[in-house]
Amino acid sequence: YAIGWFRQAPGKDRDLVAAISWNNGGDTYYADSVKGRFSISR
């Protein structure tokens, strides 16, 4: 399965933070707000 991390702050929408494809992380995604600070792995 592809896995995503989302977050929701009080009073705000739930937004995607980072995601990773199923195939040993062949594809990843990061929101601009967390690029360079967050890292997703499996």
PDB file of all heavy atoms in Angstrom:
ATOM      1  N   TYR A   1       0.831  -1.199   0.000  1.00  0.00           N
ATOM      2  CA  TYR A   1       0.000   0.000   0.000  1.00  0.00           C
ATOM      3  C   TYR A   1       0.868   1.252   0.000  1.00  0.00           C
ATOM      4  O   TYR A   1       1.900   1.304   0.686  1.00  0.00           O
ATOM      5  CB  TYR A   1      -0.876   0.058   1.245  1.00  0.00           C
ATOM      6  CG  TYR A   1      -1.907  -1.034   1.390  1.00  0.00           C
ATOM      7  CD1 TYR A   1      -2.645  -1.144   2.556  1.00  0.00           C
ATOM      8  CD2 TYR A   1      -2.153  -1.951   0.373  1.00  0.00           C
ATOM      9  CE1 TYR A   1      -3.598  -2.130   2.708  1.00  0.00           C
ATOM     10  CE2 TYR A   1      -3.103  -2.941   0.527  1.00  0.00           C
ATOM     11  CZ  TYR A   1      -3.821  -3.019   1.702  1.00  0.00           C
ATOM     12  OH  TYR A   1      -4.762  -3.997   1.860  1.00  0.00           O
ATOM     13  N   ALA A   2       0.454   2.255  -0.723  1.00  0.00           N
ATOM     14  CA  ALA A   2       1.028   3.577  -0.532  1.00  0.00           C
ATOM     15  C   ALA A   2       0.549   4.108   0.821  1.00  0.00           C
ATOM     16  O   ALA A   2      -0.585   3.844   1.228  1.00  0.00           O
ATOM     17  CB  ALA A   2       0.594   4.519  -1.652  1.00  0.00           C
ATOM     18  N   ILE A   3       1.412   4.849   1.490  1.00  0.00           N
ATOM     19  CA  ILE A   3       1.085   5.390   2.799  1.00  0.00           C
ATOM     20  C   ILE A   3       1.282   6.897   2.786  1.00  0.00           C
ATOM     21  O   ILE A   3       2.251   7.415   2.234  1.00  0.00           O
ATOM     22  CB  ILE A   3       1.982   4.785   3.897  1.00  0.00           C
ATOM     23  CG1 ILE A   3       1.816   3.267   3.949  1.00  0.00           C
ATOM     24  CG2 ILE A   3       1.659   5.410   5.254  1.00  0.00           C
ATOM     25  CD1 ILE A   3       0.441   2.780   4.380  1.00  0.00           C
ATOM     26  N   GLY A   4       0.352   7.579   3.397  1.00  0.00           N
ATOM     27  CA  GLY A   4       0.459   9.022   3.526  1.00  0.00           C
ATOM     28  C   GLY A   4       0.370   9.451   4.980  1.00  0.00           C
ATOM     29  O   GLY A   4      -0.283   8.791   5.789  1.00  0.00           O
ATOM     30  N   TRP A   5       1.055  10.526   5.271  1.00  0.00           N
ATOM     31  CA  TRP A   5       0.917  11.185   6.567  1.00  0.00           C
ATOM     32  C   TRP A   5       0.184  12.509   6.342  1.00  0.00           C
ATOM     33  O   TRP A   5       0.615  13.323   5.524  1.00  0.00           O
ATOM     34  CB  TRP A   5       2.284  11.455   7.193  1.00  0.00           C
ATOM     35  CG  TRP A   5       2.912  10.275   7.846  1.00  0.00           C
ATOM     36  CD1 TRP A   5       3.881   9.460   7.319  1.00  0.00           C
ATOM     37  CD2 TRP A   5       2.633   9.762   9.144  1.00  0.00           C
ATOM     38  NE1 TRP A   5       4.212   8.474   8.206  1.00  0.00           N
ATOM     39  CE2 TRP A   5       3.470   8.642   9.344  1.00  0.00           C
ATOM     40  CE3 TRP A   5       1.777  10.141  10.179  1.00  0.00           C
ATOM     41  CZ2 TRP A   5       3.455   7.887  10.525  1.00  0.00           C
ATOM     42  CZ3 TRP A   5       1.764   9.401  11.348  1.00  0.00           C
ATOM     43  CH2 TRP A   5       2.603   8.287  11.514  1.00  0.00           C
ATOM     44  N   PHE A   6      -0.885  12.699   7.084  1.00  0.00           N
ATOM     45  CA  PHE A   6      -1.674  13.923   7.035  1.00  0.00           C
ATOM     46  C   PHE A   6      -1.613  14.597   8.405  1.00  0.00           C
ATOM     47  O   PHE A   6      -1.280  13.964   9.407  1.00  0.00           O
ATOM     48  CB  PHE A   6      -3.136  13.594   6.707  1.00  0.00           C
ATOM     49  CG  PHE A   6      -3.359  13.053   5.330  1.00  0.00           C
ATOM     50  CD1 PHE A   6      -3.082  11.721   5.031  1.00  0.00           C
ATOM     51  CD2 PHE A   6      -3.858  13.853   4.323  1.00  0.00           C
ATOM     52  CE1 PHE A   6      -3.291  11.205   3.757  1.00  0.00           C
ATOM     53  CE2 PHE A   6      -4.074  13.356   3.050  1.00  0.00           C
ATOM     54  CZ  PHE A   6      -3.792  12.035   2.770  1.00  0.00           C
ATOM     55  N   ARG A   7      -1.982  15.857   8.426  1.00  0.00           N
ATOM     56  CA  ARG A   7      -2.105  16.526   9.713  1.00  0.00           C
ATOM     57  C   ARG A   7      -3.261  17.497   9.685  1.00  0.00           C
ATOM     58  O   ARG A   7      -3.635  18.025   8.635  1.00  0.00           O
ATOM     59  CB  ARG A   7      -0.816  17.258  10.092  1.00  0.00           C
ATOM     60  CG  ARG A   7      -0.474  18.455   9.227  1.00  0.00           C
ATOM     61  CD  ARG A   7       0.902  19.008   9.627  1.00  0.00           C
ATOM     62  NE  ARG A   7       1.278  20.175   8.837  1.00  0.00           N
ATOM     63  CZ  ARG A   7       2.478  20.743   8.889  1.00  0.00           C
ATOM     64  NH1 ARG A   7       3.424  20.251   9.707  1.00  0.00           N
ATOM     65  NH2 ARG A   7       2.753  21.798   8.145  1.00  0.00           N
ATOM     66  N   GLN A   8      -3.825  17.708  10.862  1.00  0.00           N
ATOM     67  CA  GLN A   8      -4.942  18.637  11.004  1.00  0.00           C
ATOM     68  C   GLN A   8      -4.765  19.443  12.271  1.00  0.00           C
ATOM     69  O   GLN A   8      -4.742  18.883  13.371  1.00  0.00           O
ATOM     70  CB  GLN A   8      -6.275  17.889  11.027  1.00  0.00           C
ATOM     71  CG  GLN A   8      -7.479  18.802  11.011  1.00  0.00           C
ATOM     72  CD  GLN A   8      -8.771  18.051  10.754  1.00  0.00           C
ATOM     73  OE1 GLN A   8      -8.887  16.862  11.025  1.00  0.00           O
ATOM     74  NE2 GLN A   8      -9.762  18.750  10.218  1.00  0.00           N
ATOM     75  N   ALA A   9      -4.642  20.735  12.088  1.00  0.00           N
ATOM     76  CA  ALA A   9      -4.563  21.664  13.210  1.00  0.00           C
ATOM     77  C   ALA A   9      -5.969  22.131  13.564  1.00  0.00           C
ATOM     78  O   ALA A   9      -6.871  22.084  12.716  1.00  0.00           O
ATOM     79  CB  ALA A   9      -3.667  22.843  12.846  1.00  0.00           C
ATOM     80  N   PRO A  10      -6.189  22.590  14.787  1.00  0.00           N
ATOM     81  CA  PRO A  10      -7.530  23.053  15.188  1.00  0.00           C
ATOM     82  C   PRO A  10      -8.065  24.125  14.255  1.00  0.00           C
ATOM     83  O   PRO A  10      -7.365  25.099  13.937  1.00  0.00           O
ATOM     84  CB  PRO A  10      -7.292  23.603  16.597  1.00  0.00           C
ATOM     85  CG  PRO A  10      -6.122  22.849  17.109  1.00  0.00           C
ATOM     86  CD  PRO A  10      -5.239  22.640  15.912  1.00  0.00           C
ATOM     87  N   GLY A  11      -9.274  23.914  13.790  1.00  0.00           N
ATOM     88  CA  GLY A  11      -9.911  24.897  12.929  1.00  0.00           C
ATOM     89  C   GLY A  11      -9.429  24.907  11.499  1.00  0.00           C
ATOM     90  O   GLY A  11      -9.834  25.775  10.710  1.00  0.00           O
ATOM     91  N   LYS A  12      -8.585  23.947  11.139  1.00  0.00           N
ATOM     92  CA  LYS A  12      -8.040  23.909   9.780  1.00  0.00           C
ATOM     93  C   LYS A  12      -8.374  22.585   9.103  1.00  0.00           C
ATOM     94  O   LYS A  12      -8.756  21.618   9.753  1.00  0.00           O
ATOM     95  CB  LYS A  12      -6.529  24.125   9.808  1.00  0.00           C
ATOM     96  CG  LYS A  12      -6.119  25.503  10.309  1.00  0.00           C
ATOM     97  CD  LYS A  12      -4.644  25.744  10.115  1.00  0.00           C
ATOM     98  CE  LYS A  12      -4.257  27.150  10.538  1.00  0.00           C
ATOM     99  NZ  LYS A  12      -2.815  27.420  10.350  1.00  0.00           N
ATOM    100  N   ASP A  13      -8.208  22.575   7.798  1.00  0.00           N
ATOM    101  CA  ASP A  13      -8.435  21.348   7.042  1.00  0.00           C
ATOM    102  C   ASP A  13      -7.321  20.339   7.293  1.00  0.00           C
ATOM    103  O   ASP A  13      -6.214  20.701   7.693  1.00  0.00           O
ATOM    104  CB  ASP A  13      -8.497  21.652   5.548  1.00  0.00           C
ATOM    105  CG  ASP A  13      -9.700  22.498   5.170  1.00  0.00           C
ATOM    106  OD1 ASP A  13     -10.704  22.451   5.907  1.00  0.00           O
ATOM    107  OD2 ASP A  13      -9.628  23.194   4.131  1.00  0.00           O
ATOM    108  N   ARG A  14      -7.626  19.096   7.018  1.00  0.00           N
ATOM    109  CA  ARG A  14      -6.606  18.055   7.072  1.00  0.00           C
ATOM    110  C   ARG A  14      -5.812  18.078   5.776  1.00  0.00           C
ATOM    111  O   ARG A  14      -6.402  18.016   4.684  1.00  0.00           O
ATOM    112  CB  ARG A  14      -7.244  16.688   7.276  1.00  0.00           C
ATOM    113  CG  ARG A  14      -6.246  15.569   7.473  1.00  0.00           C
ATOM    114  CD  ARG A  14      -6.956  14.316   7.961  1.00  0.00           C
ATOM    115  NE  ARG A  14      -7.968  13.858   7.020  1.00  0.00           N
ATOM    116  CZ  ARG A  14      -8.812  12.857   7.283  1.00  0.00           C
ATOM    117  NH1 ARG A  14      -8.756  12.226   8.454  1.00  0.00           N
ATOM    118  NH2 ARG A  14      -9.691  12.492   6.373  1.00  0.00           N
ATOM    119  N   ASP A  15      -4.505  18.182   5.888  1.00  0.00           N
ATOM    120  CA  ASP A  15      -3.635  18.324   4.724  1.00  0.00           C
ATOM    121  C   ASP A  15      -2.606  17.208   4.666  1.00  0.00           C
ATOM    122  O   ASP A  15      -2.141  16.706   5.692  1.00  0.00           O
ATOM    123  CB  ASP A  15      -2.889  19.664   4.767  1.00  0.00           C
ATOM    124  CG  ASP A  15      -3.814  20.845   4.644  1.00  0.00           C
ATOM    125  OD1 ASP A  15      -4.782  20.767   3.860  1.00  0.00           O
ATOM    126  OD2 ASP A  15      -3.570  21.849   5.336  1.00  0.00           O
ATOM    127  N   LEU A  16      -2.227  16.869   3.460  1.00  0.00           N
ATOM    128  CA  LEU A  16      -1.182  15.879   3.250  1.00  0.00           C
ATOM    129  C   LEU A  16       0.168  16.487   3.564  1.00  0.00           C
ATOM    130  O   LEU A  16       0.503  17.570   3.091  1.00  0.00           O
ATOM    131  CB  LEU A  16      -1.211  15.375   1.810  1.00  0.00           C
ATOM    132  CG  LEU A  16      -0.151  14.341   1.430  1.00  0.00           C
ATOM    133  CD1 LEU A  16      -0.350  13.046   2.213  1.00  0.00           C
ATOM    134  CD2 LEU A  16      -0.198  14.070  -0.072  1.00  0.00           C
ATOM    135  N   VAL A  17       0.952  15.778   4.351  1.00  0.00           N
ATOM    136  CA  VAL A  17       2.291  16.232   4.711  1.00  0.00           C
ATOM    137  C   VAL A  17       3.345  15.507   3.871  1.00  0.00           C
ATOM    138  O   VAL A  17       4.248  16.129   3.320  1.00  0.00           O
ATOM    139  CB  VAL A  17       2.546  15.973   6.211  1.00  0.00           C
ATOM    140  CG1 VAL A  17       3.996  16.278   6.568  1.00  0.00           C
ATOM    141  CG2 VAL A  17       1.594  16.781   7.066  1.00  0.00           C
ATOM    142  N   ALA A  18       3.209  14.190   3.797  1.00  0.00           N
ATOM    143  CA  ALA A  18       4.181  13.385   3.057  1.00  0.00           C
ATOM    144  C   ALA A  18       3.520  12.069   2.662  1.00  0.00           C
ATOM    145  O   ALA A  18       2.574  11.621   3.311  1.00  0.00           O
ATOM    146  CB  ALA A  18       5.426  13.103   3.901  1.00  0.00           C
ATOM    147  N   ALA A  19       4.020  11.474   1.603  1.00  0.00           N
ATOM    148  CA  ALA A  19       3.489  10.197   1.139  1.00  0.00           C
ATOM    149  C   ALA A  19       4.602   9.388   0.511  1.00  0.00           C
ATOM    150  O   ALA A  19       5.598   9.936   0.028  1.00  0.00           O
ATOM    151  CB  ALA A  19       2.346  10.410   0.145  1.00  0.00           C
ATOM    152  N   ILE A  20       4.400   8.064   0.517  1.00  0.00           N
ATOM    153  CA  ILE A  20       5.411   7.164  -0.024  1.00  0.00           C
ATOM    154  C   ILE A  20       4.725   6.030  -0.757  1.00  0.00           C
ATOM    155  O   ILE A  20       3.696   5.515  -0.311  1.00  0.00           O
ATOM    156  CB  ILE A  20       6.322   6.644   1.109  1.00  0.00           C
ATOM    157  CG1 ILE A  20       7.524   5.881   0.556  1.00  0.00           C
ATOM    158  CG2 ILE A  20       5.546   5.803   2.112  1.00  0.00           C
ATOM    159  CD1 ILE A  20       8.608   5.633   1.606  1.00  0.00           C
ATOM    160  N   SER A  21       5.280   5.654  -1.898  1.00  0.00           N
ATOM    161  CA  SER A  21       4.697   4.557  -2.669  1.00  0.00           C
ATOM    162  C   SER A  21       4.998   3.217  -2.009  1.00  0.00           C
ATOM    163  O   SER A  21       5.828   3.117  -1.109  1.00  0.00           O
ATOM    164  CB  SER A  21       5.244   4.573  -4.100  1.00  0.00           C
ATOM    165  OG  SER A  21       6.654   4.427  -4.077  1.00  0.00           O
ATOM    166  N   TRP A  22       4.328   2.183  -2.495  1.00  0.00           N
ATOM    167  CA  TRP A  22       4.451   0.876  -1.861  1.00  0.00           C
ATOM    168  C   TRP A  22       5.776   0.211  -2.152  1.00  0.00           C
ATOM    169  O   TRP A  22       6.288  -0.533  -1.327  1.00  0.00           O
ATOM    170  CB  TRP A  22       3.324  -0.038  -2.327  1.00  0.00           C
ATOM    171  CG  TRP A  22       3.456  -0.487  -3.757  1.00  0.00           C
ATOM    172  CD1 TRP A  22       3.000   0.158  -4.869  1.00  0.00           C
ATOM    173  CD2 TRP A  22       4.120  -1.658  -4.225  1.00  0.00           C
ATOM    174  NE1 TRP A  22       3.330  -0.536  -6.002  1.00  0.00           N
ATOM    175  CE2 TRP A  22       4.019  -1.658  -5.639  1.00  0.00           C
ATOM    176  CE3 TRP A  22       4.779  -2.719  -3.605  1.00  0.00           C
ATOM    177  CZ2 TRP A  22       4.553  -2.674  -6.434  1.00  0.00           C
ATOM    178  CZ3 TRP A  22       5.313  -3.736  -4.386  1.00  0.00           C
ATOM    179  CH2 TRP A  22       5.199  -3.697  -5.793  1.00  0.00           C
ATOM    180  N   ASN A  23       6.355   0.464  -3.308  1.00  0.00           N
ATOM    181  CA  ASN A  23       7.512  -0.289  -3.802  1.00  0.00           C
ATOM    182  C   ASN A  23       8.816   0.228  -3.206  1.00  0.00           C
ATOM    183  O   ASN A  23       9.634   0.843  -3.887  1.00  0.00           O
ATOM    184  CB  ASN A  23       7.557  -0.252  -5.333  1.00  0.00           C
ATOM    185  CG  ASN A  23       7.418   1.150  -5.883  1.00  0.00           C
ATOM    186  OD1 ASN A  23       7.068   2.083  -5.174  1.00  0.00           O
ATOM    187  ND2 ASN A  23       7.713   1.331  -7.156  1.00  0.00           N
ATOM    188  N   ASN A  24       8.981  -0.055  -1.899  1.00  0.00           N
ATOM    189  CA  ASN A  24      10.178   0.381  -1.173  1.00  0.00           C
ATOM    190  C   ASN A  24      10.452   1.867  -1.339  1.00  0.00           C
ATOM    191  O   ASN A  24      11.601   2.293  -1.399  1.00  0.00           O
ATOM    192  CB  ASN A  24      11.399  -0.429  -1.610  1.00  0.00           C
ATOM    193  CG  ASN A  24      11.348  -1.853  -1.096  1.00  0.00           C
ATOM    194  OD1 ASN A  24      10.953  -2.092   0.047  1.00  0.00           O
ATOM    195  ND2 ASN A  24      11.730  -2.791  -1.937  1.00  0.00           N
ATOM    196  N   GLY A  25       9.381   2.640  -1.404  1.00  0.00           N
ATOM    197  CA  GLY A  25       9.553   4.080  -1.450  1.00  0.00           C
ATOM    198  C   GLY A  25      10.099   4.603  -2.759  1.00  0.00           C
ATOM    199  O   GLY A  25      10.821   5.604  -2.773  1.00  0.00           O
ATOM    200  N   GLY A  26       9.738   3.958  -3.866  1.00  0.00           N
ATOM    201  CA  GLY A  26      10.226   4.426  -5.149  1.00  0.00           C
ATOM    202  C   GLY A  26       9.785   5.828  -5.493  1.00  0.00           C
ATOM    203  O   GLY A  26      10.425   6.517  -6.279  1.00  0.00           O
ATOM    204  N   ASP A  27       8.670   6.255  -4.906  1.00  0.00           N
ATOM    205  CA  ASP A  27       8.157   7.604  -5.137  1.00  0.00           C
ATOM    206  C   ASP A  27       7.763   8.205  -3.794  1.00  0.00           C
ATOM    207  O   ASP A  27       7.141   7.528  -2.979  1.00  0.00           O
ATOM    208  CB  ASP A  27       6.945   7.549  -6.074  1.00  0.00           C
ATOM    209  CG  ASP A  27       6.426   8.923  -6.435  1.00  0.00           C
ATOM    210  OD1 ASP A  27       7.253   9.836  -6.606  1.00  0.00           O
ATOM    211  OD2 ASP A  27       5.190   9.095  -6.538  1.00  0.00           O
ATOM    212  N   THR A  28       8.135   9.439  -3.582  1.00  0.00           N
ATOM    213  CA  THR A  28       7.746  10.136  -2.363  1.00  0.00           C
ATOM    214  C   THR A  28       7.210  11.518  -2.706  1.00  0.00           C
ATOM    215  O   THR A  28       7.488  12.063  -3.788  1.00  0.00           O
ATOM    216  CB  THR A  28       8.919  10.294  -1.375  1.00  0.00           C
ATOM    217  OG1 THR A  28       9.994  10.992  -2.036  1.00  0.00           O
ATOM    218  CG2 THR A  28       9.406   8.955  -0.869  1.00  0.00           C
ATOM    219  N   TYR A  29       6.446  12.050  -1.787  1.00  0.00           N
ATOM    220  CA  TYR A  29       5.878  13.400  -1.927  1.00  0.00           C
ATOM    221  C   TYR A  29       6.027  14.111  -0.590  1.00  0.00           C
ATOM    222  O   TYR A  29       5.867  13.507   0.471  1.00  0.00           O
ATOM    223  CB  TYR A  29       4.400  13.314  -2.306  1.00  0.00           C
ATOM    224  CG  TYR A  29       3.677  14.632  -2.106  1.00  0.00           C
ATOM    225  CD1 TYR A  29       3.644  15.587  -3.110  1.00  0.00           C
ATOM    226  CD2 TYR A  29       3.069  14.932  -0.890  1.00  0.00           C
ATOM    227  CE1 TYR A  29       3.011  16.803  -2.915  1.00  0.00           C
ATOM    228  CE2 TYR A  29       2.435  16.149  -0.685  1.00  0.00           C
ATOM    229  CZ  TYR A  29       2.411  17.080  -1.701  1.00  0.00           C
ATOM    230  OH  TYR A  29       1.802  18.284  -1.489  1.00  0.00           O
ATOM    231  N   TYR A  30       6.324  15.412  -0.660  1.00  0.00           N
ATOM    232  CA  TYR A  30       6.373  16.254   0.529  1.00  0.00           C
ATOM    233  C   TYR A  30       5.650  17.563   0.249  1.00  0.00           C
ATOM    234  O   TYR A  30       5.820  18.162  -0.826  1.00  0.00           O
ATOM    235  CB  TYR A  30       7.812  16.565   0.939  1.00  0.00           C
ATOM    236  CG  TYR A  30       8.594  15.355   1.384  1.00  0.00           C
ATOM    237  CD1 TYR A  30       9.405  14.670   0.494  1.00  0.00           C
ATOM    238  CD2 TYR A  30       8.493  14.886   2.686  1.00  0.00           C
ATOM    239  CE1 TYR A  30      10.115  13.548   0.884  1.00  0.00           C
ATOM    240  CE2 TYR A  30       9.200  13.762   3.094  1.00  0.00           C
ATOM    241  CZ  TYR A  30      10.004  13.105   2.189  1.00  0.00           C
ATOM    242  OH  TYR A  30      10.707  11.984   2.587  1.00  0.00           O
ATOM    243  N   ALA A  31       4.894  18.011   1.223  1.00  0.00           N
ATOM    244  CA  ALA A  31       4.315  19.348   1.131  1.00  0.00           C
ATOM    245  C   ALA A  31       5.448  20.373   1.194  1.00  0.00           C
ATOM    246  O   ALA A  31       6.474  20.141   1.852  1.00  0.00           O
ATOM    247  CB  ALA A  31       3.334  19.566   2.273  1.00  0.00           C
ATOM    248  N   ASP A  32       5.258  21.480   0.539  1.00  0.00           N
ATOM    249  CA  ASP A  32       6.302  22.510   0.508  1.00  0.00           C
ATOM    250  C   ASP A  32       6.702  22.951   1.917  1.00  0.00           C
ATOM    251  O   ASP A  32       7.867  23.257   2.175  1.00  0.00           O
ATOM    252  CB  ASP A  32       5.826  23.719  -0.289  1.00  0.00           C
ATOM    253  CG  ASP A  32       5.774  23.448  -1.776  1.00  0.00           C
ATOM    254  OD1 ASP A  32       6.404  22.475  -2.235  1.00  0.00           O
ATOM    255  OD2 ASP A  32       5.098  24.217  -2.491  1.00  0.00           O
ATOM    256  N   SER A  33       5.735  22.967   2.808  1.00  0.00           N
ATOM    257  CA  SER A  33       5.981  23.470   4.160  1.00  0.00           C
ATOM    258  C   SER A  33       6.918  22.581   4.971  1.00  0.00           C
ATOM    259  O   SER A  33       7.454  23.016   5.997  1.00  0.00           O
ATOM    260  CB  SER A  33       4.662  23.641   4.902  1.00  0.00           C
ATOM    261  OG  SER A  33       3.987  22.405   4.987  1.00  0.00           O
ATOM    262  N   VAL A  34       7.126  21.339   4.525  1.00  0.00           N
ATOM    263  CA  VAL A  34       7.965  20.424   5.308  1.00  0.00           C
ATOM    264  C   VAL A  34       9.188  19.931   4.544  1.00  0.00           C
ATOM    265  O   VAL A  34      10.015  19.200   5.106  1.00  0.00           O
ATOM    266  CB  VAL A  34       7.150  19.210   5.817  1.00  0.00           C
ATOM    267  CG1 VAL A  34       5.927  19.678   6.597  1.00  0.00           C
ATOM    268  CG2 VAL A  34       6.752  18.293   4.669  1.00  0.00           C
ATOM    269  N   LYS A  35       9.320  20.328   3.303  1.00  0.00           N
ATOM    270  CA  LYS A  35      10.475  19.879   2.510  1.00  0.00           C
ATOM    271  C   LYS A  35      11.773  20.282   3.173  1.00  0.00           C
ATOM    272  O   LYS A  35      11.939  21.410   3.618  1.00  0.00           O
ATOM    273  CB  LYS A  35      10.405  20.471   1.100  1.00  0.00           C
ATOM    274  CG  LYS A  35       9.445  19.757   0.185  1.00  0.00           C
ATOM    275  CD  LYS A  35       9.446  20.380  -1.215  1.00  0.00           C
ATOM    276  CE  LYS A  35       8.467  19.677  -2.130  1.00  0.00           C
ATOM    277  NZ  LYS A  35       8.387  20.324  -3.458  1.00  0.00           N
ATOM    278  N   GLY A  36      12.695  19.331   3.235  1.00  0.00           N
ATOM    279  CA  GLY A  36      13.985  19.590   3.852  1.00  0.00           C
ATOM    280  C   GLY A  36      13.994  19.391   5.360  1.00  0.00           C
ATOM    281  O   GLY A  36      15.061  19.377   5.971  1.00  0.00           O
ATOM    282  N   ARG A  37      12.808  19.238   5.960  1.00  0.00           N
ATOM    283  CA  ARG A  37      12.724  19.042   7.409  1.00  0.00           C
ATOM    284  C   ARG A  37      12.154  17.668   7.777  1.00  0.00           C
ATOM    285  O   ARG A  37      12.571  17.077   8.775  1.00  0.00           O
ATOM    286  CB  ARG A  37      11.838  20.123   8.040  1.00  0.00           C
ATOM    287  CG  ARG A  37      12.347  21.534   7.834  1.00  0.00           C
ATOM    288  CD  ARG A  37      11.549  22.529   8.666  1.00  0.00           C
ATOM    289  NE  ARG A  37      10.133  22.563   8.301  1.00  0.00           N
ATOM    290  CZ  ARG A  37       9.131  22.324   9.151  1.00  0.00           C
ATOM    291  NH1 ARG A  37       9.381  22.036  10.402  1.00  0.00           N
ATOM    292  NH2 ARG A  37       7.876  22.397   8.729  1.00  0.00           N
ATOM    293  N   PHE A  38      11.212  17.186   6.990  1.00  0.00           N
ATOM    294  CA  PHE A  38      10.563  15.905   7.256  1.00  0.00           C
ATOM    295  C   PHE A  38      11.050  14.864   6.248  1.00  0.00           C
ATOM    296  O   PHE A  38      11.371  15.193   5.101  1.00  0.00           O
ATOM    297  CB  PHE A  38       9.044  16.025   7.137  1.00  0.00           C
ATOM    298  CG  PHE A  38       8.372  16.818   8.224  1.00  0.00           C
ATOM    299  CD1 PHE A  38       9.093  17.599   9.123  1.00  0.00           C
ATOM    300  CD2 PHE A  38       6.997  16.763   8.359  1.00  0.00           C
ATOM    301  CE1 PHE A  38       8.467  18.319  10.108  1.00  0.00           C
ATOM    302  CE2 PHE A  38       6.338  17.477   9.347  1.00  0.00           C
ATOM    303  CZ  PHE A  38       7.079  18.266  10.216  1.00  0.00           C
ATOM    304  N   SER A  39      11.053  13.619   6.696  1.00  0.00           N
ATOM    305  CA  SER A  39      11.443  12.528   5.820  1.00  0.00           C
ATOM    306  C   SER A  39      10.553  11.318   6.080  1.00  0.00           C
ATOM    307  O   SER A  39      10.381  10.906   7.229  1.00  0.00           O
ATOM    308  CB  SER A  39      12.906  12.153   6.062  1.00  0.00           C
ATOM    309  OG  SER A  39      13.279  11.058   5.256  1.00  0.00           O
ATOM    310  N   ILE A  40       9.987  10.780   5.009  1.00  0.00           N
ATOM    311  CA  ILE A  40       9.132   9.608   5.126  1.00  0.00           C
ATOM    312  C   ILE A  40       9.907   8.390   4.640  1.00  0.00           C
ATOM    313  O   ILE A  40      10.653   8.465   3.653  1.00  0.00           O
ATOM    314  CB  ILE A  40       7.812   9.798   4.327  1.00  0.00           C
ATOM    315  CG1 ILE A  40       6.829   8.673   4.644  1.00  0.00           C
ATOM    316  CG2 ILE A  40       8.083   9.921   2.836  1.00  0.00           C
ATOM    317  CD1 ILE A  40       5.422   8.934   4.081  1.00  0.00           C
ATOM    318  N   SER A  41       9.736   7.284   5.339  1.00  0.00           N
ATOM    319  CA  SER A  41      10.411   6.049   4.954  1.00  0.00           C
ATOM    320  C   SER A  41       9.561   4.867   5.389  1.00  0.00           C
ATOM    321  O   SER A  41       8.618   5.035   6.167  1.00  0.00           O
ATOM    322  CB  SER A  41      11.808   5.970   5.594  1.00  0.00           C
ATOM    323  OG  SER A  41      11.713   5.950   7.012  1.00  0.00           O
ATOM    324  N   ARG A  42       9.900   3.707   4.878  1.00  0.00           N
ATOM    325  CA  ARG A  42       9.140   2.531   5.262  1.00  0.00           C
ATOM    326  C   ARG A  42      10.064   1.348   5.439  1.00  0.00           C
ATOM    327  O   ARG A  42      11.097   1.230   4.771  1.00  0.00           O
ATOM    328  CB  ARG A  42       8.044   2.230   4.239  1.00  0.00           C
ATOM    329  CG  ARG A  42       8.493   1.832   2.870  1.00  0.00           C
ATOM    330  CD  ARG A  42       7.294   1.822   1.896  1.00  0.00           C
ATOM    331  NE  ARG A  42       6.228   0.956   2.393  1.00  0.00           N
ATOM    332  CZ  ARG A  42       4.945   1.091   2.038  1.00  0.00           C
ATOM    333  NH1 ARG A  42       4.578   2.041   1.200  1.00  0.00           N
ATOM    334  NH2 ARG A  42       4.040   0.265   2.510  1.00  0.00           N
TER     335      ARG A  42
END
